[in-house]
């Protein structure tokens, strides 16, 4: 994954996957924050991975893959207990 496509955010909006990261932060402002989201984006500006960082520790991670038509194909969600949930979606974005 290309680290040049990594950006930082305050939070996300919505409940539908993929999560929409909002309120972009500069890397310099991270030292003043206890909690932030790190987002990795592909060449089409789709989020392919996001991480919630709390006090320097990874608390949550989402990894997304997409169908060729751009809809979400799979979401791999790891929570703070390192429990992994994998969700799959058809080409219309409906859960499978």
Protein backbone atom coordinates (compact mmCIF):
# COMPACT_ATOMS: atom_id res chain seq x y z
CA UNK A 1 0.00 0.00 0.00
CA UNK A 2 1.29 3.44 -0.91
CA UNK A 3 1.88 5.49 2.25
CA UNK A 4 1.72 8.71 0.19
CA UNK A 5 -2.05 8.11 0.10
CA UNK A 6 -2.33 8.22 3.90
CA UNK A 7 -4.24 11.14 5.42
CA UNK A 8 -5.52 11.96 8.91
CA UNK A 9 -9.01 12.84 10.11
CA UNK A 10 -10.91 13.83 13.25
CA UNK A 11 -13.85 11.48 12.76
CA UNK A 12 -16.20 9.86 10.27
CA UNK A 13 -19.81 10.38 9.25
CA UNK A 14 -22.64 8.00 8.53
CA UNK A 15 -23.17 4.39 9.47
CA UNK A 16 -23.10 2.83 6.02
CA UNK A 17 -19.88 1.18 4.87
CA UNK A 18 -17.40 2.29 3.76
CA UNK A 19 -17.17 4.91 6.49
CA UNK A 20 -16.69 8.50 5.29
CA UNK A 21 -13.74 10.18 6.99
CA UNK A 22 -14.31 13.86 7.79
CA UNK A 23 -12.45 16.90 9.12
CA UNK A 24 -9.01 16.29 7.67
CA UNK A 25 -6.01 17.02 9.92
CA UNK A 26 -2.44 17.98 9.14
CA UNK A 27 0.23 15.54 10.26
CA UNK A 28 1.70 18.27 12.47
CA UNK A 29 -1.55 18.62 14.42
CA UNK A 30 -1.55 14.93 15.44
CA UNK A 31 0.81 15.49 18.38
CA UNK A 32 -1.94 17.57 20.05
CA UNK A 33 -4.62 14.87 19.63
CA UNK A 34 -5.34 11.76 21.69
CA UNK A 35 -7.70 10.27 19.10
CA UNK A 36 -7.70 10.44 15.31
CA UNK A 37 -8.35 8.34 12.22
CA UNK A 38 -5.70 7.38 9.70
CA UNK A 39 -7.11 6.80 6.21
CA UNK A 40 -5.45 5.12 3.23
CA UNK A 41 -6.84 5.87 -0.21
CA UNK A 42 -6.47 4.28 -3.63
CA UNK A 43 -5.85 6.16 -6.88
CA UNK A 44 -9.61 6.75 -7.21
CA UNK A 45 -9.77 8.39 -3.74
CA UNK A 46 -11.69 5.45 -2.26
CA UNK A 47 -10.77 4.59 1.31
CA UNK A 48 -9.10 1.17 1.31
CA UNK A 49 -8.08 1.12 4.97
CA UNK A 50 -8.88 3.21 7.99
CA UNK A 51 -7.52 2.98 11.49
CA UNK A 52 -8.76 4.59 14.69
CA UNK A 53 -5.78 5.57 16.84
CA UNK A 54 -6.38 6.28 20.55
CA UNK A 55 -3.43 7.32 22.73
CA UNK A 56 -1.04 5.88 20.15
CA UNK A 57 -2.74 2.48 20.05
CA UNK A 58 -4.78 0.96 17.22
CA UNK A 59 -8.35 0.66 18.52
CA UNK A 60 -10.24 -0.23 15.33
CA UNK A 61 -9.39 -1.04 11.72
CA UNK A 62 -11.47 -1.35 8.55
CA UNK A 63 -10.02 -2.76 5.31
CA UNK A 64 -12.17 -2.35 2.19
CA UNK A 65 -12.05 -3.93 -1.26
CA UNK A 66 -14.25 -2.83 -4.14
CA UNK A 67 -15.97 -4.39 -7.15
CA UNK A 68 -14.87 -3.16 -10.59
CA UNK A 69 -17.99 -0.96 -10.71
CA UNK A 70 -16.78 0.86 -7.56
CA UNK A 71 -19.24 -0.58 -5.04
CA UNK A 72 -17.97 -2.09 -1.82
CA UNK A 73 -17.13 -5.78 -2.21
CA UNK A 74 -15.74 -6.67 1.21
CA UNK A 75 -15.19 -5.02 4.60
CA UNK A 76 -12.82 -6.57 7.12
CA UNK A 77 -13.47 -4.93 10.50
CA UNK A 78 -11.18 -5.49 13.47
CA UNK A 79 -12.35 -4.09 16.81
CA UNK A 80 -10.45 -3.14 19.96
CA UNK A 81 -10.49 -6.78 21.16
CA UNK A 82 -8.83 -7.90 17.89
CA UNK A 83 -12.08 -9.60 16.85
CA UNK A 84 -12.39 -9.74 13.06
CA UNK A 85 -15.72 -9.50 11.24
CA UNK A 86 -15.78 -9.93 7.46
CA UNK A 87 -18.77 -8.58 5.52
CA UNK A 88 -19.32 -9.27 1.81
CA UNK A 89 -21.45 -7.29 -0.64
CA UNK A 90 -22.74 -7.95 -4.15
CA UNK A 91 -22.12 -5.58 -7.09
CA UNK A 92 -25.24 -3.61 -6.08
CA UNK A 93 -23.82 -2.99 -2.61
CA UNK A 94 -26.22 -5.40 -0.90
CA UNK A 95 -24.95 -7.70 1.88
CA UNK A 96 -24.36 -11.28 0.77
